[in-house]
Amino acid sequence: MASTFQRIDTHHHIMPPSWLKAAGERIMASAIGIPRGWMFDWTPEVSIEAMDQFSIGVTIGSVSTPGVSFDGVAAGRKLARECND
């Protein structure tokens, strides 16, 4: 019988296109050894596949470091809204 147990991932990184456009190159410049595809190939479908693979039923998503507040308050609010949408 297949297991119905589902994990909850409380630290699930998302990398929406608007966030990658604003932060991606900045992160890659300082993230030595991280494969470029790890960030730039992210899609919601990739996250869902990983969730299925590891029996994760629910995630609490957040963008990765440096978050959204690196270009001032107004830009950070705009980027946060785009990422949340």
Protein backbone atom coordinates (compact mmCIF):
# COMPACT_ATOMS: atom_id res chain seq x y z
CA MET A 1 0.00 0.00 0.00
CA ALA A 2 1.32 3.45 -0.90
CA SER A 3 2.05 5.84 1.93
CA THR A 4 -0.30 8.81 2.32
CA PHE A 5 2.11 10.67 4.60
CA GLN A 6 2.85 14.16 3.32
CA ARG A 7 5.62 16.37 4.65
CA ILE A 8 5.38 20.12 5.15
CA ASP A 9 8.34 22.09 3.80
CA THR A 10 8.62 25.27 5.86
CA HIS A 11 11.65 26.61 4.00
CA HIS A 12 10.86 26.25 0.30
CA HIS A 13 12.74 28.68 -1.93
CA ILE A 14 11.01 30.12 -4.96
CA MET A 15 12.69 32.11 -7.70
CA PRO A 16 10.02 33.98 -9.69
CA PRO A 17 11.08 35.69 -12.94
CA SER A 18 10.75 39.22 -11.51
CA TRP A 19 13.00 38.29 -8.57
CA LEU A 20 15.57 36.62 -10.83
CA LYS A 21 15.63 39.71 -13.04
CA ALA A 22 16.29 41.92 -10.01
CA ALA A 23 18.64 39.68 -8.00
CA GLY A 24 19.86 36.77 -10.11
CA GLU A 25 23.08 38.18 -11.52
CA ARG A 26 23.97 39.78 -8.18
CA ILE A 27 23.63 36.41 -6.45
CA MET A 28 25.53 34.48 -9.12
CA ALA A 29 28.44 36.93 -8.82
CA SER A 30 28.85 36.06 -5.14
CA ALA A 31 27.64 32.44 -5.07
CA ILE A 32 30.75 30.54 -6.04
CA GLY A 33 30.04 26.95 -6.97
CA ILE A 34 26.24 27.20 -7.29
CA PRO A 35 25.16 25.92 -10.70
CA ARG A 36 23.50 28.64 -12.78
CA GLY A 37 20.65 26.32 -13.71
CA TRP A 38 19.76 25.83 -10.06
CA MET A 39 18.32 29.34 -10.04
CA PHE A 40 17.59 30.28 -13.61
CA ASP A 41 15.79 27.03 -14.51
CA TRP A 42 13.34 27.30 -11.59
CA THR A 43 9.64 27.08 -12.42
CA PRO A 44 6.60 26.26 -10.30
CA GLU A 45 6.52 22.91 -12.11
CA VAL A 46 10.08 22.14 -10.96
CA SER A 47 8.99 22.81 -7.36
CA ILE A 48 5.95 20.57 -7.74
CA GLU A 49 8.10 17.76 -9.14
CA ALA A 50 10.44 18.04 -6.14
CA MET A 51 7.46 18.07 -3.79
CA ASP A 52 6.12 14.90 -5.39
CA GLN A 53 9.53 13.22 -5.29
CA PHE A 54 9.94 13.84 -1.57
CA SER A 55 6.28 13.39 -0.48
CA ILE A 56 5.82 17.08 0.34
CA GLY A 57 2.17 18.09 0.48
CA VAL A 58 2.51 21.75 1.48
CA THR A 59 5.27 24.34 1.21
CA ILE A 60 5.77 27.73 2.74
CA GLY A 61 7.59 29.59 0.02
CA SER A 62 10.04 32.42 0.24
CA VAL A 63 12.50 33.99 -2.13
CA SER A 64 16.12 33.25 -1.46
CA THR A 65 18.75 35.60 -0.06
CA PRO A 66 18.91 38.61 -0.41
CA GLY A 67 15.13 38.76 -0.19
CA VAL A 68 13.47 41.72 -1.86
CA SER A 69 14.80 44.79 -0.04
CA PHE A 70 18.12 45.54 -1.69
CA ASP A 71 17.12 48.46 -3.95
CA GLY A 72 15.18 50.62 -1.49
CA VAL A 73 11.80 50.43 0.22
CA ALA A 74 9.56 51.23 -2.76
CA ALA A 75 11.36 48.80 -5.07
CA GLY A 76 11.32 46.14 -2.35
CA ARG A 77 7.56 46.49 -1.86
CA LYS A 78 6.95 46.27 -5.60
CA LEU A 79 9.16 43.19 -5.94
CA ALA A 80 7.55 41.52 -2.90
CA ARG A 81 4.10 42.00 -4.44
CA GLU A 82 5.26 40.57 -7.78
CA CYS A 83 6.81 37.56 -6.04
CA ASN A 84 3.69 36.97 -3.93
CA ASP A 85 1.46 37.16 -6.98
